[in-house]
Protein backbone atom coordinates (compact mmCIF):
# COMPACT_ATOMS: atom_id res chain seq x y z
CA MET A 1 93.02 -30.23 71.71
CA ALA A 2 89.97 -31.75 69.96
CA PHE A 3 88.60 -32.85 73.03
CA ILE A 4 88.99 -29.58 74.90
CA ARG A 5 87.68 -27.56 71.94
CA ASN A 6 84.29 -30.18 71.85
CA ASN A 7 83.75 -30.04 75.34
CA ILE A 8 84.21 -25.57 75.18
CA LEU A 9 81.39 -26.03 72.54
CA ILE A 10 79.06 -28.16 74.42
CA ILE A 11 79.15 -25.80 77.54
CA VAL A 12 78.91 -22.67 75.33
CA VAL A 13 76.24 -23.77 73.25
CA SER A 14 74.19 -25.23 76.31
CA LEU A 15 74.65 -22.04 77.90
CA ILE A 16 73.18 -20.16 75.10
CA ILE A 17 70.20 -22.38 74.98
CA VAL A 18 69.39 -22.48 78.58
CA LEU A 19 69.34 -18.70 78.44
CA VAL A 20 66.79 -18.67 75.83
CA THR A 21 64.96 -21.31 76.99
CA ALA A 22 64.13 -19.28 80.39
CA PHE A 23 63.55 -16.31 78.40
CA THR A 24 60.88 -17.85 76.29
CA LEU A 25 59.34 -19.69 79.44
CA ASN A 26 58.86 -16.52 80.98
CA ASN A 27 57.52 -14.77 78.48
CA PHE A 28 55.08 -17.70 77.60
CA ILE A 29 54.06 -17.70 81.52
CA THR A 30 53.73 -13.97 81.29
CA GLY A 31 51.44 -14.03 77.92
CA THR A 32 53.76 -12.34 75.84
CA VAL A 33 54.82 -14.84 73.61
CA SER A 34 53.63 -18.15 71.55
CA SER A 35 55.61 -21.04 70.63
CA THR A 36 53.14 -21.38 67.99
CA THR A 37 53.79 -20.30 64.10
CA THR A 38 50.83 -17.70 64.23
CA THR A 39 49.94 -14.74 66.22
CA ASN A 40 46.34 -13.64 66.97
CA THR A 41 46.06 -10.26 68.89
CA SER A 42 42.23 -10.51 69.15
CA SER A 43 40.99 -9.70 72.69
CA GLU A 44 37.89 -11.88 72.36
CA LYS A 45 40.09 -15.38 71.58
CA VAL A 46 40.68 -17.29 75.07
CA LEU A 47 44.64 -17.96 75.41
CA LEU A 48 44.67 -21.52 75.96
CA ARG A 49 48.02 -22.42 77.21
CA LEU A 50 49.72 -25.93 77.05
CA ALA A 51 53.07 -27.60 78.36
CA THR A 52 53.72 -30.00 76.29
CA THR A 53 56.95 -32.35 75.31
CA THR A 54 59.24 -31.68 73.10
CA SER A 55 58.48 -34.44 70.26
CA PHE A 56 54.95 -33.24 69.83
CA ASP A 57 56.29 -29.74 68.78
CA ALA A 58 59.70 -30.49 67.19
CA THR A 59 57.64 -32.86 64.64
CA GLY A 60 55.12 -29.95 63.45
CA LEU A 61 52.19 -32.20 64.95
CA LEU A 62 51.31 -29.55 67.25
CA ASN A 63 51.03 -26.78 64.44
CA ALA A 64 49.15 -29.34 62.42
CA LEU A 65 46.46 -29.82 65.41
CA LYS A 66 46.28 -26.31 66.41
CA ALA A 67 45.16 -25.81 62.84
CA LYS A 68 42.52 -28.14 62.83
CA PHE A 69 41.31 -27.22 66.63
CA GLU A 70 41.15 -23.35 65.96
CA ASP A 71 39.02 -23.93 62.78
CA GLN A 72 36.65 -25.84 64.78
CA ASN A 73 37.24 -23.56 67.90
CA PRO A 74 37.95 -20.12 66.57
CA ASN A 75 37.38 -18.18 69.90
CA ILE A 76 40.58 -20.31 71.08
CA ASN A 77 44.29 -19.45 70.69
CA LEU A 78 46.32 -22.83 71.52
CA THR A 79 49.65 -21.56 72.46
CA TRP A 80 52.09 -23.71 74.13
CA VAL A 81 55.93 -24.20 75.77
CA ALA A 82 57.68 -27.44 74.30
CA VAL A 83 59.84 -28.81 77.14
CA GLY A 84 61.21 -31.77 78.53
CA THR A 85 58.36 -33.81 80.35
CA GLY A 86 59.70 -32.82 84.27
CA GLN A 87 59.84 -29.32 83.55
CA ALA A 88 56.41 -29.61 81.98
CA ILE A 89 54.70 -30.79 84.72
CA GLU A 90 56.39 -28.56 87.35
CA ILE A 91 55.04 -25.79 85.21
CA ALA A 92 51.84 -27.47 85.60
CA ARG A 93 51.91 -27.66 89.50
CA ARG A 94 52.22 -24.02 89.17
CA GLY A 95 49.34 -23.37 87.51
CA ASP A 96 50.98 -21.67 84.75
CA VAL A 97 49.72 -23.66 81.98
CA ASP A 98 45.66 -25.03 81.46
CA LEU A 99 46.65 -28.85 80.24
CA VAL A 100 49.81 -30.68 79.70
CA ILE A 101 50.73 -33.33 77.51
CA VAL A 102 53.41 -35.90 78.71
CA HIS A 103 55.22 -39.36 78.61
CA SER A 104 57.06 -40.62 81.73
CA PRO A 105 54.98 -42.95 83.54
CA ARG A 106 57.07 -42.22 86.84
CA TYR A 107 56.47 -38.12 86.61
CA GLU A 108 52.49 -38.81 85.74
CA GLU A 109 51.83 -41.21 88.49
CA GLN A 110 53.50 -38.61 91.16
CA PHE A 111 51.09 -35.78 89.38
CA LEU A 112 48.19 -37.74 89.73
CA LYS A 113 49.02 -38.85 93.52
CA ASP A 114 49.66 -35.25 94.10
CA GLY A 115 46.42 -34.39 93.08
CA TYR A 116 47.23 -31.52 90.18
CA GLY A 117 46.58 -33.77 87.43
CA VAL A 118 43.05 -35.06 86.63
CA HIS A 119 41.08 -36.90 83.86
CA GLY A 120 44.80 -38.24 82.33
CA VAL A 121 44.18 -40.16 79.21
CA ARG A 122 46.56 -41.82 76.91
CA ILE A 123 46.15 -40.54 73.18
CA ALA A 124 49.48 -41.74 71.24
CA PHE A 125 52.46 -43.72 71.28
CA ASN A 126 55.84 -44.59 69.36
CA ASP A 127 59.06 -45.90 70.71
CA PHE A 128 62.46 -44.95 71.35
CA ILE A 129 65.54 -45.91 69.16
CA ILE A 130 69.31 -45.94 69.60
CA VAL A 131 71.02 -43.85 66.83
CA GLY A 132 74.61 -43.69 66.13
CA PRO A 133 77.31 -43.33 63.99
CA ALA A 134 77.41 -45.25 60.61
CA ASN A 135 80.35 -47.41 61.45
CA ASP A 136 78.59 -48.36 64.74
CA PRO A 137 82.12 -48.38 66.79
CA ALA A 138 80.07 -50.06 69.92
CA GLY A 139 78.37 -52.87 67.58
CA LEU A 140 74.97 -52.22 68.90
CA ASN A 141 73.67 -53.59 65.26
CA SER A 142 74.01 -57.49 66.66
CA THR A 143 72.36 -56.84 69.91
CA LYS A 144 69.17 -58.19 70.96
CA THR A 145 68.12 -56.23 74.11
CA VAL A 146 68.63 -52.64 74.94
CA VAL A 147 70.45 -53.12 78.14
CA GLU A 148 72.91 -55.35 76.04
CA ALA A 149 73.11 -52.12 73.38
CA PHE A 150 73.73 -49.66 76.48
CA LYS A 151 76.46 -51.98 78.13
CA ARG A 152 78.28 -52.07 75.04
CA ILE A 153 78.24 -48.64 74.41
CA ALA A 154 79.47 -47.97 77.92
CA GLU A 155 82.25 -50.17 77.28
CA ALA A 156 83.57 -48.90 74.06
CA GLY A 157 83.24 -45.28 75.48
CA ALA A 158 85.46 -46.45 78.47
CA GLN A 159 87.83 -47.49 75.90
CA GLY A 160 87.53 -44.19 73.83
CA LYS A 161 85.86 -45.17 70.91
CA THR A 162 82.72 -43.77 71.22
CA THR A 163 80.42 -41.12 73.31
CA PHE A 164 76.86 -40.81 74.15
CA ALA A 165 74.69 -37.77 73.90
CA SER A 166 72.16 -37.65 77.21
CA ARG A 167 69.44 -35.20 77.27
CA ALA A 168 69.95 -34.70 80.74
CA ASP A 169 66.67 -33.05 81.38
CA LYS A 170 64.60 -34.73 83.54
CA SER A 171 61.99 -35.72 80.27
CA GLY A 172 60.22 -38.57 79.50
CA THR A 173 63.32 -39.81 76.85
CA HIS A 174 65.75 -38.90 79.95
CA THR A 175 63.86 -41.24 82.43
CA LYS A 176 63.77 -43.94 79.99
CA GLU A 177 67.69 -43.65 79.58
CA LEU A 178 68.46 -43.63 83.10
CA GLU A 179 66.41 -46.37 83.52
CA ILE A 180 68.29 -48.48 80.90
CA TRP A 181 71.66 -47.57 82.60
CA LYS A 182 70.45 -48.89 85.97
CA ASN A 183 69.63 -52.11 84.59
CA VAL A 184 72.68 -52.07 83.00
CA GLY A 185 74.62 -51.60 86.13
CA VAL A 186 76.42 -48.37 84.99
CA ASN A 187 76.31 -44.74 86.54
CA ALA A 188 77.47 -42.81 83.38
CA SER A 189 76.90 -39.50 84.81
CA GLY A 190 80.75 -37.72 84.98
CA GLN A 191 82.18 -40.39 82.40
CA GLY A 192 84.39 -38.95 79.90
CA TRP A 193 82.70 -40.11 77.13
CA TYR A 194 79.12 -39.50 78.70
CA LYS A 195 77.76 -35.91 77.26
CA GLU A 196 75.23 -34.49 79.18
CA THR A 197 73.27 -31.32 77.34
CA GLY A 198 70.20 -30.70 79.30
CA GLN A 199 68.53 -29.58 76.53
CA GLY A 200 65.75 -30.79 73.98
CA MET A 201 65.48 -34.03 71.64
CA ALA A 202 66.72 -32.13 68.65
CA GLN A 203 69.76 -30.01 70.18
CA THR A 204 70.78 -33.38 71.80
CA LEU A 205 70.58 -35.54 68.25
CA ARG A 206 72.80 -32.60 66.67
CA LEU A 207 75.63 -32.98 69.34
CA ALA A 208 75.55 -36.56 68.91
CA ASN A 209 75.94 -35.56 65.29
CA ASN A 210 78.63 -33.22 65.53
CA LEU A 211 80.60 -35.81 68.28
CA GLN A 212 79.60 -38.87 65.75
CA GLY A 213 78.15 -40.70 69.05
CA TYR A 214 75.09 -42.37 69.94
CA THR A 215 71.98 -41.03 71.94
CA LEU A 216 68.67 -42.43 72.77
CA THR A 217 65.82 -40.57 70.64
CA ASP A 218 61.96 -41.13 70.21
CA ARG A 219 61.26 -42.08 66.60
CA ALA A 220 59.16 -39.52 65.67
CA THR A 221 61.84 -36.60 66.38
CA TRP A 222 64.60 -39.06 64.73
CA TYR A 223 62.27 -39.34 61.35
CA THR A 224 61.82 -35.55 61.32
CA LEU A 225 65.48 -35.06 61.71
CA SER A 226 67.13 -37.73 60.19
CA SER A 227 67.79 -36.19 56.81
CA GLU A 228 70.04 -33.31 58.45
CA LEU A 229 71.87 -35.64 60.25
CA GLY A 230 75.08 -38.09 59.60
CA LEU A 231 73.51 -40.92 61.93
CA LYS A 232 71.96 -44.13 61.54
CA LEU A 233 69.58 -46.23 63.30
CA VAL A 234 71.45 -48.95 65.11
CA PHE A 235 68.86 -50.52 67.68
CA GLU A 236 65.12 -50.56 67.71
CA ARG A 237 62.08 -52.79 68.90
CA ASP A 238 62.85 -53.70 72.33
CA PRO A 239 59.57 -54.11 74.46
CA ILE A 240 61.31 -51.81 77.16
CA LEU A 241 61.24 -49.19 74.83
CA LEU A 242 57.67 -48.33 74.21
CA ASN A 243 56.79 -44.56 74.49
CA ILE A 244 53.08 -43.28 75.19
CA TYR A 245 51.89 -39.96 75.20
CA ARG A 246 49.37 -38.64 77.71
CA VAL A 247 47.13 -35.58 78.39
CA PHE A 248 46.11 -34.06 81.93
CA LEU A 249 43.75 -31.46 82.72
CA ILE A 250 44.92 -29.37 85.96
CA ASP A 251 42.71 -29.70 88.98
CA PRO A 252 40.26 -26.95 89.23
CA GLU A 253 40.16 -26.95 92.77
CA LYS A 254 43.84 -26.15 93.16
CA TYR A 255 43.99 -23.56 89.96
CA PRO A 256 40.32 -22.32 89.78
CA ASN A 257 41.21 -19.20 87.23
CA LEU A 258 42.32 -21.44 84.65
CA HIS A 259 40.41 -22.12 81.30
CA HIS A 260 39.30 -25.53 82.77
CA SER A 261 36.33 -25.43 79.85
CA GLU A 262 38.61 -24.45 76.85
CA ALA A 263 41.29 -27.20 77.90
CA GLU A 264 38.56 -29.68 78.04
CA ARG A 265 37.40 -28.89 74.91
CA PHE A 266 40.98 -29.63 73.78
CA VAL A 267 41.26 -32.88 75.06
CA LEU A 268 37.90 -33.87 73.99
CA PHE A 269 39.36 -32.90 70.21
CA LEU A 270 42.47 -35.06 70.73
CA VAL A 271 40.56 -37.97 71.69
CA SER A 272 37.67 -37.66 68.91
CA PRO A 273 37.82 -40.28 66.35
CA GLU A 274 38.54 -37.68 63.47
CA THR A 275 41.72 -36.61 65.20
CA GLN A 276 42.57 -39.93 66.79
CA ALA A 277 42.87 -41.06 62.93
CA PHE A 278 44.53 -37.85 61.86
CA ILE A 279 47.72 -38.27 64.46
CA GLY A 280 47.90 -41.88 63.34
CA ASN A 281 47.99 -40.79 59.64
CA TYR A 282 50.50 -38.00 60.29
CA THR A 283 53.95 -38.61 58.44
CA LYS A 284 57.08 -36.81 57.73
CA GLY A 285 59.43 -37.97 54.80
CA GLY A 286 56.51 -40.73 54.39
CA GLN A 287 57.20 -42.32 57.79
CA ARG A 288 54.47 -42.44 60.49
CA LEU A 289 55.60 -40.74 63.47
CA PHE A 290 52.60 -41.70 65.73
CA ASN A 291 50.04 -44.35 66.60
CA PRO A 292 46.64 -43.52 67.69
CA LEU A 293 46.25 -44.81 71.59
CA PHE A 294 42.73 -43.39 73.19
CA GLY A 295 40.82 -46.61 74.35
CA ARG A 296 43.48 -49.11 72.78
CA LEU A 297 45.64 -49.79 75.58
CA SER A 298 45.21 -53.18 75.80
CA GLU A 299 47.01 -53.45 72.08
CA VAL A 300 49.99 -52.71 73.69
CA SER A 301 49.75 -55.39 76.39
CA ILE A 302 49.08 -52.49 79.30
CA GLN A 303 45.97 -52.98 81.96
CA ASP A 304 45.38 -50.07 83.84
CA PRO A 305 42.00 -49.73 85.71
CA TYR A 306 42.32 -45.94 86.04
CA GLU A 307 42.74 -45.91 82.31
CA ASP A 308 39.52 -47.45 81.67
CA GLN A 309 37.86 -45.32 83.86
CA GLN A 310 39.03 -42.36 81.83
CA VAL A 311 38.10 -43.53 78.57
CA THR A 312 34.79 -44.00 79.52
CA TYR A 313 34.62 -40.66 81.61
CA TRP A 314 35.99 -39.10 77.95
CA GLU A 315 33.81 -41.25 75.76
CA ASN A 316 30.57 -39.91 77.90
CA LYS A 317 31.75 -36.37 77.34
CA LEU A 318 31.77 -37.09 73.36
CA ARG A 319 28.45 -38.48 73.04
CA GLN A 320 27.01 -35.10 74.60
């Protein structure tokens, strides 16, 4: 009976959040609502619309950046919708936002290839981690790789010892999770122990907490919410779990009526030395949430000629 009640709860909560998200997205696109903490109705302000990954929003970083950016650009009102990377890119493809921040290489490269994103550049990174019950029923603490950790979760789940909460929302986190399951050789979808939320990271963490199961999360959101949850960090530091954030402008040839000049100003703000330092020093509970990455991709052992070109492009813009 407890199992049935848990599954009914998951379905009801998921439906409510889907309806609220759909309402918010519609109002955001039509310009009637902002997901920021402040409202300005001045007709002289340009409404700059951003689609962003949930972690930049849930951690409070975007609110902090908004305040600094608008102080320097009083004619702009930065507003955003926080969704998974897949959904953020779909919104950008429709021309419903002026720029986008995402963290899934798979979706990013297709966005570039299809000609929608331009002058994309990496701005920050952190990593993914696995969190779970304090008693760690799958024994992840003794594993050496994330593939081994996921394998143990699947085995423990099949034995009725634990559950795994998946975002199942085409986000960067979900994409990374599916990549790991593929490496394990397990198709988790449809398994009784595998709970698909279709929601953001905060909601998925709370569900994992309610079920006392495991989930994959970005470190920043975990540090932001960990004090509210009865879970613990059980696996970290596999190189596969690197999590990089990238900002893109939208091709003006596809959508000439977007606020391209203002969007460019926001990217210049993000890649400036002052803002990069601010991102690196941003903390919650004494923990740094993000690391600056503009012009430093080699520090995470990645070589990308396209990135080198775009770093040069933005550095030249900063000098003007």
